[in-house]
Amino acid sequence: TSSHQSTAAPASDQSTAAASGDRSTAVASGYRSTAVVTGPDSVALAAGWDCSASGVIGCWLMLVERRDRMGVILEAKAVKVDGDEIKPGVLYTLRGGKVVAR
């Protein structure tokens, strides 16, 4: 999606949700899917098993860690892309309760 305040949310496995408009949302819920946002003040949600998320500075990444493909949630965290700890354009995932680069 590329318009402001838009949402991209594919549900299939190994898919990519990409949103480039301001204040947009990209949601990845399929197995090994990716959520990417490039517009300011946007949110990328990686909620499926082994999913990852990326964004530009100022965006938020919401990461969910699941035990397996059956969907039991182990942990969830939100981090802001700040350019220091969380770098823009890098895919992040949640492993062992920690945010790690893919």
PDB file of N, CA and C in Angstrom:
ATOM      1  N   THR A   1       0.847  -1.180   0.000  1.00  0.00           N
ATOM      2  CA  THR A   1       0.000   0.000   0.000  1.00  0.00           C
ATOM      3  C   THR A   1       0.889   1.239   0.000  1.00  0.00           C
ATOM      4  N   SER A   2       0.409   2.314  -0.575  1.00  0.00           N
ATOM      5  CA  SER A   2       1.240   3.515  -0.638  1.00  0.00           C
ATOM      6  C   SER A   2       0.492   4.785  -0.264  1.00  0.00           C
ATOM      7  N   SER A   3      -0.744   4.716   0.143  1.00  0.00           N
ATOM      8  CA  SER A   3      -1.448   5.933   0.541  1.00  0.00           C
ATOM      9  C   SER A   3      -1.348   6.141   2.046  1.00  0.00           C
ATOM     10  N   HIS A   4      -1.573   7.355   2.495  1.00  0.00           N
ATOM     11  CA  HIS A   4      -1.472   7.699   3.910  1.00  0.00           C
ATOM     12  C   HIS A   4      -2.496   6.924   4.728  1.00  0.00           C
ATOM     13  N   GLN A   5      -2.108   6.531   5.932  1.00  0.00           N
ATOM     14  CA  GLN A   5      -2.951   5.826   6.888  1.00  0.00           C
ATOM     15  C   GLN A   5      -3.528   4.537   6.308  1.00  0.00           C
ATOM     16  N   SER A   6      -2.756   3.859   5.480  1.00  0.00           N
ATOM     17  CA  SER A   6      -3.217   2.621   4.862  1.00  0.00           C
ATOM     18  C   SER A   6      -2.741   1.412   5.660  1.00  0.00           C
ATOM     19  N   THR A   7      -3.292   0.243   5.321  1.00  0.00           N
ATOM     20  CA  THR A   7      -2.920  -1.002   5.985  1.00  0.00           C
ATOM     21  C   THR A   7      -2.679  -2.079   4.954  1.00  0.00           C
ATOM     22  N   ALA A   8      -1.562  -2.794   5.114  1.00  0.00           N
ATOM     23  CA  ALA A   8      -1.262  -3.964   4.291  1.00  0.00           C
ATOM     24  C   ALA A   8      -1.251  -5.158   5.226  1.00  0.00           C
ATOM     25  N   ALA A   9      -2.013  -6.199   4.896  1.00  0.00           N
ATOM     26  CA  ALA A   9      -2.120  -7.333   5.813  1.00  0.00           C
ATOM     27  C   ALA A   9      -2.329  -8.662   5.089  1.00  0.00           C
ATOM     28  N   PRO A  10      -1.327  -9.159   4.382  1.00  0.00           N
ATOM     29  CA  PRO A  10      -1.483 -10.478   3.772  1.00  0.00           C
ATOM     30  C   PRO A  10      -1.429 -11.555   4.853  1.00  0.00           C
ATOM     31  N   ALA A  11      -2.173 -12.636   4.679  1.00  0.00           N
ATOM     32  CA  ALA A  11      -2.227 -13.692   5.692  1.00  0.00           C
ATOM     33  C   ALA A  11      -1.566 -14.986   5.238  1.00  0.00           C
ATOM     34  N   SER A  12      -1.038 -15.008   4.050  1.00  0.00           N
ATOM     35  CA  SER A  12      -0.436 -16.247   3.565  1.00  0.00           C
ATOM     36  C   SER A  12       0.995 -16.408   4.078  1.00  0.00           C
ATOM     37  N   ASP A  13       1.494 -17.639   4.063  1.00  0.00           N
ATOM     38  CA  ASP A  13       2.842 -17.930   4.533  1.00  0.00           C
ATOM     39  C   ASP A  13       3.894 -17.299   3.625  1.00  0.00           C
ATOM     40  N   GLN A  14       5.008 -16.904   4.227  1.00  0.00           N
ATOM     41  CA  GLN A  14       6.161 -16.333   3.547  1.00  0.00           C
ATOM     42  C   GLN A  14       5.809 -15.156   2.643  1.00  0.00           C
ATOM     43  N   SER A  15       4.875 -14.331   3.101  1.00  0.00           N
ATOM     44  CA  SER A  15       4.464 -13.154   2.341  1.00  0.00           C
ATOM     45  C   SER A  15       5.101 -11.903   2.937  1.00  0.00           C
ATOM     46  N   THR A  16       4.956 -10.786   2.229  1.00  0.00           N
ATOM     47  CA  THR A  16       5.467  -9.502   2.697  1.00  0.00           C
ATOM     48  C   THR A  16       4.347  -8.479   2.687  1.00  0.00           C
ATOM     49  N   ALA A  17       4.187  -7.787   3.814  1.00  0.00           N
ATOM     50  CA  ALA A  17       3.263  -6.663   3.910  1.00  0.00           C
ATOM     51  C   ALA A  17       4.122  -5.411   3.892  1.00  0.00           C
ATOM     52  N   ALA A  18       3.917  -4.542   2.904  1.00  0.00           N
ATOM     53  CA  ALA A  18       4.712  -3.323   2.791  1.00  0.00           C
ATOM     54  C   ALA A  18       3.792  -2.114   2.708  1.00  0.00           C
ATOM     55  N   ALA A  19       3.996  -1.149   3.602  1.00  0.00           N
ATOM     56  CA  ALA A  19       3.200   0.069   3.623  1.00  0.00           C
ATOM     57  C   ALA A  19       4.144   1.261   3.590  1.00  0.00           C
ATOM     58  N   SER A  20       3.925   2.188   2.643  1.00  0.00           N
ATOM     59  CA  SER A  20       4.846   3.313   2.495  1.00  0.00           C
ATOM     60  C   SER A  20       4.224   4.664   2.810  1.00  0.00           C
ATOM     61  N   GLY A  21       2.946   4.736   3.052  1.00  0.00           N
ATOM     62  CA  GLY A  21       2.318   6.017   3.368  1.00  0.00           C
ATOM     63  C   GLY A  21       2.545   6.431   4.813  1.00  0.00           C
ATOM     64  N   ASP A  22       2.409   7.721   5.096  1.00  0.00           N
ATOM     65  CA  ASP A  22       2.530   8.223   6.467  1.00  0.00           C
ATOM     66  C   ASP A  22       1.475   7.561   7.353  1.00  0.00           C
ATOM     67  N   ARG A  23       1.862   7.237   8.583  1.00  0.00           N
ATOM     68  CA  ARG A  23       0.962   6.675   9.593  1.00  0.00           C
ATOM     69  C   ARG A  23       0.268   5.400   9.098  1.00  0.00           C
ATOM     70  N   SER A  24       1.005   4.562   8.387  1.00  0.00           N
ATOM     71  CA  SER A  24       0.455   3.314   7.849  1.00  0.00           C
ATOM     72  C   SER A  24       0.809   2.136   8.742  1.00  0.00           C
ATOM     73  N   THR A  25       0.212   0.989   8.435  1.00  0.00           N
ATOM     74  CA  THR A  25       0.434  -0.231   9.201  1.00  0.00           C
ATOM     75  C   THR A  25       0.662  -1.393   8.255  1.00  0.00           C
ATOM     76  N   ALA A  26       1.675  -2.191   8.550  1.00  0.00           N
ATOM     77  CA  ALA A  26       1.927  -3.428   7.813  1.00  0.00           C
ATOM     78  C   ALA A  26       1.852  -4.571   8.814  1.00  0.00           C
ATOM     79  N   VAL A  27       1.045  -5.582   8.517  1.00  0.00           N
ATOM     80  CA  VAL A  27       0.844  -6.702   9.428  1.00  0.00           C
ATOM     81  C   VAL A  27       1.218  -7.996   8.728  1.00  0.00           C
ATOM     82  N   ALA A  28       2.147  -8.748   9.321  1.00  0.00           N
ATOM     83  CA  ALA A  28       2.545 -10.048   8.781  1.00  0.00           C
ATOM     84  C   ALA A  28       2.127 -11.120   9.778  1.00  0.00           C
ATOM     85  N   SER A  29       1.231 -11.997   9.367  1.00  0.00           N
ATOM     86  CA  SER A  29       0.745 -13.018  10.296  1.00  0.00           C
ATOM     87  C   SER A  29       0.975 -14.439   9.802  1.00  0.00           C
ATOM     88  N   GLY A  30       1.375 -14.609   8.565  1.00  0.00           N
ATOM     89  CA  GLY A  30       1.653 -15.941   8.043  1.00  0.00           C
ATOM     90  C   GLY A  30       3.024 -16.429   8.464  1.00  0.00           C
ATOM     91  N   TYR A  31       3.236 -17.715   8.380  1.00  0.00           N
ATOM     92  CA  TYR A  31       4.505 -18.363   8.723  1.00  0.00           C
ATOM     93  C   TYR A  31       5.654 -17.727   7.943  1.00  0.00           C
ATOM     94  N   ARG A  32       6.693 -17.279   8.656  1.00  0.00           N
ATOM     95  CA  ARG A  32       7.894 -16.650   8.084  1.00  0.00           C
ATOM     96  C   ARG A  32       7.590 -15.476   7.150  1.00  0.00           C
ATOM     97  N   SER A  33       6.653 -14.646   7.535  1.00  0.00           N
ATOM     98  CA  SER A  33       6.304 -13.472   6.746  1.00  0.00           C
ATOM     99  C   SER A  33       7.045 -12.240   7.253  1.00  0.00           C
ATOM    100  N   THR A  34       6.962 -11.156   6.486  1.00  0.00           N
ATOM    101  CA  THR A  34       7.692  -9.929   6.783  1.00  0.00           C
ATOM    102  C   THR A  34       6.760  -8.725   6.710  1.00  0.00           C
ATOM    103  N   ALA A  35       6.898  -7.814   7.667  1.00  0.00           N
ATOM    104  CA  ALA A  35       6.165  -6.551   7.669  1.00  0.00           C
ATOM    105  C   ALA A  35       7.175  -5.414   7.537  1.00  0.00           C
ATOM    106  N   VAL A  36       6.986  -4.543   6.539  1.00  0.00           N
ATOM    107  CA  VAL A  36       7.922  -3.451   6.281  1.00  0.00           C
ATOM    108  C   VAL A  36       7.150  -2.145   6.137  1.00  0.00           C
ATOM    109  N   VAL A  37       7.588  -1.108   6.872  1.00  0.00           N
ATOM    110  CA  VAL A  37       6.985   0.222   6.738  1.00  0.00           C
ATOM    111  C   VAL A  37       8.072   1.237   6.406  1.00  0.00           C
ATOM    112  N   THR A  38       7.749   2.141   5.487  1.00  0.00           N
ATOM    113  CA  THR A  38       8.724   3.154   5.081  1.00  0.00           C
ATOM    114  C   THR A  38       8.187   4.569   5.197  1.00  0.00           C
ATOM    115  N   GLY A  39       6.970   4.722   5.667  1.00  0.00           N
ATOM    116  CA  GLY A  39       6.403   6.049   5.875  1.00  0.00           C
ATOM    117  C   GLY A  39       6.561   6.465   7.328  1.00  0.00           C
ATOM    118  N   PRO A  40       6.683   7.763   7.595  1.00  0.00           N
ATOM    119  CA  PRO A  40       6.858   8.227   8.972  1.00  0.00           C
ATOM    120  C   PRO A  40       5.666   7.865   9.854  1.00  0.00           C
ATOM    121  N   ASP A  41       5.959   7.642  11.135  1.00  0.00           N
ATOM    122  CA  ASP A  41       4.932   7.365  12.150  1.00  0.00           C
ATOM    123  C   ASP A  41       4.090   6.137  11.822  1.00  0.00           C
ATOM    124  N   SER A  42       4.722   5.128  11.249  1.00  0.00           N
ATOM    125  CA  SER A  42       4.024   3.901  10.881  1.00  0.00           C
ATOM    126  C   SER A  42       4.363   2.768  11.843  1.00  0.00           C
ATOM    127  N   VAL A  43       3.609   1.661  11.734  1.00  0.00           N
ATOM    128  CA  VAL A  43       3.784   0.500  12.599  1.00  0.00           C
ATOM    129  C   VAL A  43       3.894  -0.752  11.747  1.00  0.00           C
ATOM    130  N   ALA A  44       4.895  -1.594  12.053  1.00  0.00           N
ATOM    131  CA  ALA A  44       5.039  -2.895  11.405  1.00  0.00           C
ATOM    132  C   ALA A  44       4.816  -3.957  12.476  1.00  0.00           C
ATOM    133  N   LEU A  45       3.841  -4.835  12.263  1.00  0.00           N
ATOM    134  CA  LEU A  45       3.510  -5.893  13.217  1.00  0.00           C
ATOM    135  C   LEU A  45       3.870  -7.243  12.625  1.00  0.00           C
ATOM    136  N   ALA A  46       4.799  -7.937  13.265  1.00  0.00           N
ATOM    137  CA  ALA A  46       5.199  -9.281  12.855  1.00  0.00           C
ATOM    138  C   ALA A  46       4.611 -10.241  13.875  1.00  0.00           C
ATOM    139  N   ALA A  47       3.487 -10.876  13.531  1.00  0.00           N
ATOM    140  CA  ALA A  47       2.734 -11.646  14.518  1.00  0.00           C
ATOM    141  C   ALA A  47       2.715 -13.145  14.282  1.00  0.00           C
ATOM    142  N   GLY A  48       3.188 -13.613  13.150  1.00  0.00           N
ATOM    143  CA  GLY A  48       3.181 -15.044  12.865  1.00  0.00           C
ATOM    144  C   GLY A  48       4.457 -15.719  13.334  1.00  0.00           C
ATOM    145  N   TRP A  49       4.500 -17.047  13.221  1.00  0.00           N
ATOM    146  CA  TRP A  49       5.684 -17.796  13.643  1.00  0.00           C
ATOM    147  C   TRP A  49       6.871 -17.442  12.759  1.00  0.00           C
ATOM    148  N   ASP A  50       7.988 -17.101  13.374  1.00  0.00           N
ATOM    149  CA  ASP A  50       9.239 -16.768  12.692  1.00  0.00           C
ATOM    150  C   ASP A  50       9.094 -15.584  11.739  1.00  0.00           C
ATOM    151  N   CYS A  51       8.262 -14.614  12.097  1.00  0.00           N
ATOM    152  CA  CYS A  51       8.073 -13.402  11.291  1.00  0.00           C
ATOM    153  C   CYS A  51       9.112 -12.354  11.661  1.00  0.00           C
ATOM    154  N   SER A  52       9.245 -11.350  10.799  1.00  0.00           N
ATOM    155  CA  SER A  52      10.180 -10.254  11.064  1.00  0.00           C
ATOM    156  C   SER A  52       9.570  -8.940  10.605  1.00  0.00           C
ATOM    157  N   ALA A  53      10.147  -7.828  11.101  1.00  0.00           N
ATOM    158  CA  ALA A  53       9.638  -6.500  10.772  1.00  0.00           C
ATOM    159  C   ALA A  53      10.788  -5.518  10.609  1.00  0.00           C
ATOM    160  N   SER A  54      10.523  -4.476   9.816  1.00  0.00           N
ATOM    161  CA  SER A  54      11.512  -3.438   9.547  1.00  0.00           C
ATOM    162  C   SER A  54      10.790  -2.118   9.345  1.00  0.00           C
ATOM    163  N   GLY A  55      11.500  -1.019   9.606  1.00  0.00           N
ATOM    164  CA  GLY A  55      10.909   0.296   9.392  1.00  0.00           C
ATOM    165  C   GLY A  55      11.963   1.380   9.303  1.00  0.00           C
ATOM    166  N   VAL A  56      11.506   2.600   9.072  1.00  0.00           N
ATOM    167  CA  VAL A  56      12.396   3.761   9.033  1.00  0.00           C
ATOM    168  C   VAL A  56      12.419   4.408  10.419  1.00  0.00           C
ATOM    169  N   ILE A  57      13.351   5.336  10.618  1.00  0.00           N
ATOM    170  CA  ILE A  57      13.470   6.007  11.913  1.00  0.00           C
ATOM    171  C   ILE A  57      12.139   6.657  12.301  1.00  0.00           C
ATOM    172  N   GLY A  58      11.752   6.420  13.543  1.00  0.00           N
ATOM    173  CA  GLY A  58      10.503   6.965  14.066  1.00  0.00           C
ATOM    174  C   GLY A  58       9.339   5.991  14.022  1.00  0.00           C
ATOM    175  N   CYS A  59       9.481   4.916  13.286  1.00  0.00           N
ATOM    176  CA  CYS A  59       8.421   3.903  13.209  1.00  0.00           C
ATOM    177  C   CYS A  59       8.542   2.940  14.387  1.00  0.00           C
ATOM    178  N   TRP A  60       7.485   2.199  14.624  1.00  0.00           N
ATOM    179  CA  TRP A  60       7.461   1.189  15.678  1.00  0.00           C
ATOM    180  C   TRP A  60       7.370  -0.194  15.061  1.00  0.00           C
ATOM    181  N   LEU A  61       8.098  -1.137  15.673  1.00  0.00           N
ATOM    182  CA  LEU A  61       8.032  -2.539  15.290  1.00  0.00           C
ATOM    183  C   LEU A  61       7.402  -3.303  16.442  1.00  0.00           C
ATOM    184  N   MET A  62       6.346  -4.042  16.153  1.00  0.00           N
ATOM    185  CA  MET A  62       5.677  -4.880  17.138  1.00  0.00           C
ATOM    186  C   MET A  62       6.034  -6.320  16.785  1.00  0.00           C
ATOM    187  N   LEU A  63       6.702  -7.009  17.690  1.00  0.00           N
ATOM    188  CA  LEU A  63       7.215  -8.349  17.412  1.00  0.00           C
ATOM    189  C   LEU A  63       6.602  -9.375  18.352  1.00  0.00           C
ATOM    190  N   VAL A  64       6.181 -10.503  17.796  1.00  0.00           N
ATOM    191  CA  VAL A  64       5.585 -11.592  18.570  1.00  0.00           C
ATOM    192  C   VAL A  64       6.439 -12.838  18.376  1.00  0.00           C
ATOM    193  N   GLU A  65       6.768 -13.489  19.485  1.00  0.00           N
ATOM    194  CA  GLU A  65       7.492 -14.765  19.416  1.00  0.00           C
ATOM    195  C   GLU A  65       6.509 -15.883  19.746  1.00  0.00           C
ATOM    196  N   ARG A  66       6.462 -16.863  18.846  1.00  0.00           N
ATOM    197  CA  ARG A  66       5.577 -18.013  19.058  1.00  0.00           C
ATOM    198  C   ARG A  66       6.405 -19.278  19.244  1.00  0.00           C
ATOM    199  N   ARG A  67       5.883 -20.206  20.020  1.00  0.00           N
ATOM    200  CA  ARG A  67       6.609 -21.443  20.292  1.00  0.00           C
ATOM    201  C   ARG A  67       6.787 -22.283  19.040  1.00  0.00           C
ATOM    202  N   ASP A  68       5.768 -22.320  18.212  1.00  0.00           N
ATOM    203  CA  ASP A  68       5.807 -23.140  17.004  1.00  0.00           C
ATOM    204  C   ASP A  68       4.740 -22.629  16.038  1.00  0.00           C
ATOM    205  N   ARG A  69       4.558 -23.320  14.957  1.00  0.00           N
ATOM    206  CA  ARG A  69       3.574 -22.901  13.946  1.00  0.00           C
ATOM    207  C   ARG A  69       2.131 -23.016  14.438  1.00  0.00           C
ATOM    208  N   MET A  70       1.920 -23.715  15.542  1.00  0.00           N
ATOM    209  CA  MET A  70       0.565 -23.860  16.089  1.00  0.00           C
ATOM    210  C   MET A  70       0.084 -22.564  16.736  1.00  0.00           C
ATOM    211  N   GLY A  71       1.008 -21.655  17.061  1.00  0.00           N
ATOM    212  CA  GLY A  71       0.604 -20.316  17.453  1.00  0.00           C
ATOM    213  C   GLY A  71       0.643 -19.929  18.907  1.00  0.00           C
ATOM    214  N   VAL A  72       1.164 -20.753  19.809  1.00  0.00           N
ATOM    215  CA  VAL A  72       1.233 -20.370  21.211  1.00  0.00           C
ATOM    216  C   VAL A  72       2.218 -19.199  21.359  1.00  0.00           C
ATOM    217  N   ILE A  73       1.751 -18.085  21.919  1.00  0.00           N
ATOM    218  CA  ILE A  73       2.588 -16.892  22.080  1.00  0.00           C
ATOM    219  C   ILE A  73       3.453 -17.028  23.323  1.00  0.00           C
ATOM    220  N   LEU A  74       4.759 -16.824  23.138  1.00  0.00           N
ATOM    221  CA  LEU A  74       5.711 -16.859  24.243  1.00  0.00           C
ATOM    222  C   LEU A  74       6.018 -15.465  24.775  1.00  0.00           C
ATOM    223  N   GLU A  75       6.076 -14.483  23.869  1.00  0.00           N
ATOM    224  CA  GLU A  75       6.507 -13.133  24.233  1.00  0.00           C
ATOM    225  C   GLU A  75       6.037 -12.156  23.161  1.00  0.00           C
ATOM    226  N   ALA A  76       5.887 -10.905  23.543  1.00  0.00           N
ATOM    227  CA  ALA A  76       5.584  -9.836  22.590  1.00  0.00           C
ATOM    228  C   ALA A  76       6.290  -8.572  23.061  1.00  0.00           C
ATOM    229  N   LYS A  77       6.858  -7.826  22.119  1.00  0.00           N
ATOM    230  CA  LYS A  77       7.563  -6.588  22.445  1.00  0.00           C
ATOM    231  C   LYS A  77       7.351  -5.560  21.343  1.00  0.00           C
ATOM    232  N   ALA A  78       7.434  -4.298  21.742  1.00  0.00           N
ATOM    233  CA  ALA A  78       7.388  -3.190  20.791  1.00  0.00           C
ATOM    234  C   ALA A  78       8.673  -2.386  20.950  1.00  0.00           C
ATOM    235  N   VAL A  79       9.287  -2.036  19.817  1.00  0.00           N
ATOM    236  CA  VAL A  79      10.503  -1.222  19.833  1.00  0.00           C
ATOM    237  C   VAL A  79      10.383  -0.123  18.786  1.00  0.00           C
ATOM    238  N   LYS A  80      11.007   1.001  19.073  1.00  0.00           N
ATOM    239  CA  LYS A  80      11.007   2.113  18.138  1.00  0.00           C
ATOM    240  C   LYS A  80      12.297   2.100  17.327  1.00  0.00           C
ATOM    241  N   VAL A  81      12.196   2.320  16.033  1.00  0.00           N
ATOM    242  CA  VAL A  81      13.375   2.420  15.175  1.00  0.00           C
ATOM    243  C   VAL A  81      14.014   3.774  15.481  1.00  0.00           C
ATOM    244  N   ASP A  82      15.160   3.718  16.176  1.00  0.00           N
ATOM    245  CA  ASP A  82      15.803   4.946  16.638  1.00  0.00           C
ATOM    246  C   ASP A  82      17.125   5.250  15.925  1.00  0.00           C
ATOM    247  N   GLY A  83      17.626   4.302  15.137  1.00  0.00           N
ATOM    248  CA  GLY A  83      18.879   4.507  14.429  1.00  0.00           C
ATOM    249  C   GLY A  83      20.099   4.093  15.223  1.00  0.00           C
ATOM    250  N   ASP A  84      19.938   3.889  16.534  1.00  0.00           N
ATOM    251  CA  ASP A  84      21.051   3.466  17.376  1.00  0.00           C
ATOM    252  C   ASP A  84      20.936   1.981  17.705  1.00  0.00           C
ATOM    253  N   GLU A  85      19.998   1.646  18.593  1.00  0.00           N
ATOM    254  CA  GLU A  85      19.796   0.239  18.955  1.00  0.00           C
ATOM    255  C   GLU A  85      19.021  -0.508  17.876  1.00  0.00           C
ATOM    256  N   ILE A  86      18.007   0.122  17.342  1.00  0.00           N
ATOM    257  CA  ILE A  86      17.186  -0.474  16.288  1.00  0.00           C
ATOM    258  C   ILE A  86      17.423   0.346  15.021  1.00  0.00           C
ATOM    259  N   LYS A  87      18.034  -0.294  14.042  1.00  0.00           N
ATOM    260  CA  LYS A  87      18.472   0.377  12.813  1.00  0.00           C
ATOM    261  C   LYS A  87      17.358   0.389  11.757  1.00  0.00           C
ATOM    262  N   PRO A  88      17.275   1.468  10.980  1.00  0.00           N
ATOM    263  CA  PRO A  88      16.300   1.516   9.894  1.00  0.00           C
ATOM    264  C   PRO A  88      16.668   0.529   8.785  1.00  0.00           C
ATOM    265  N   GLY A  89      15.660  -0.065   8.181  1.00  0.00           N
ATOM    266  CA  GLY A  89      15.869  -0.956   7.048  1.00  0.00           C
ATOM    267  C   GLY A  89      16.403  -2.336   7.395  1.00  0.00           C
ATOM    268  N   VAL A  90      16.560  -2.625   8.671  1.00  0.00           N
ATOM    269  CA  VAL A  90      17.034  -3.945   9.105  1.00  0.00           C
ATOM    270  C   VAL A  90      15.833  -4.754   9.586  1.00  0.00           C
ATOM    271  N   LEU A  91      15.759  -6.019   9.176  1.00  0.00           N
ATOM    272  CA  LEU A  91      14.684  -6.888   9.639  1.00  0.00           C
ATOM    273  C   LEU A  91      14.991  -7.379  11.046  1.00  0.00           C
ATOM    274  N   TYR A  92      14.007  -7.269  11.940  1.00  0.00           N
ATOM    275  CA  TYR A  92      14.147  -7.735  13.316  1.00  0.00           C
ATOM    276  C   TYR A  92      13.092  -8.781  13.615  1.00  0.00           C
ATOM    277  N   THR A  93      13.461  -9.693  14.512  1.00  0.00           N
ATOM    278  CA  THR A  93      12.549 -10.729  14.976  1.00  0.00           C
ATOM    279  C   THR A  93      12.739 -10.867  16.479  1.00  0.00           C
ATOM    280  N   LEU A  94      11.862 -11.619  17.121  1.00  0.00           N
ATOM    281  CA  LEU A  94      11.948 -11.839  18.558  1.00  0.00           C
ATOM    282  C   LEU A  94      12.345 -13.295  18.786  1.00  0.00           C
ATOM    283  N   ARG A  95      13.494 -13.507  19.448  1.00  0.00           N
ATOM    284  CA  ARG A  95      13.993 -14.861  19.735  1.00  0.00           C
ATOM    285  C   ARG A  95      14.454 -14.925  21.174  1.00  0.00           C
ATOM    286  N   GLY A  96      13.934 -15.886  21.905  1.00  0.00           N
ATOM    287  CA  GLY A  96      14.306 -16.005  23.315  1.00  0.00           C
ATOM    288  C   GLY A  96      13.951 -14.764  24.119  1.00  0.00           C
ATOM    289  N   GLY A  97      12.889 -14.076  23.688  1.00  0.00           N
ATOM    290  CA  GLY A  97      12.450 -12.859  24.369  1.00  0.00           C
ATOM    291  C   GLY A  97      13.284 -11.632  24.060  1.00  0.00           C
ATOM    292  N   LYS A  98      14.236 -11.754  23.128  1.00  0.00           N
ATOM    293  CA  LYS A  98      15.108 -10.634  22.770  1.00  0.00           C
ATOM    294  C   LYS A  98      14.903 -10.225  21.315  1.00  0.00           C
ATOM    295  N   VAL A  99      14.968  -8.919  21.077  1.00  0.00           N
ATOM    296  CA  VAL A  99      14.870  -8.392  19.714  1.00  0.00           C
ATOM    297  C   VAL A  99      16.229  -8.581  19.049  1.00  0.00           C
ATOM    298  N   VAL A 100      16.235  -9.303  17.935  1.00  0.00           N
ATOM    299  CA  VAL A 100      17.491  -9.573  17.228  1.00  0.00           C
ATOM    300  C   VAL A 100      17.338  -9.282  15.737  1.00  0.00           C
ATOM    301  N   ALA A 101      18.440  -8.857  15.135  1.00  0.00           N
ATOM    302  CA  ALA A 101      18.451  -8.648  13.676  1.00  0.00           C
ATOM    303  C   ALA A 101      18.407  -9.995  12.985  1.00  0.00           C
ATOM    304  N   ARG A 102      17.736 -10.047  11.894  1.00  0.00           N
ATOM    305  CA  ARG A 102      17.579 -11.297  11.146  1.00  0.00           C
ATOM    306  C   ARG A 102      18.774 -11.652  10.364  1.00  0.00           C
TER     307      ARG A 102
END
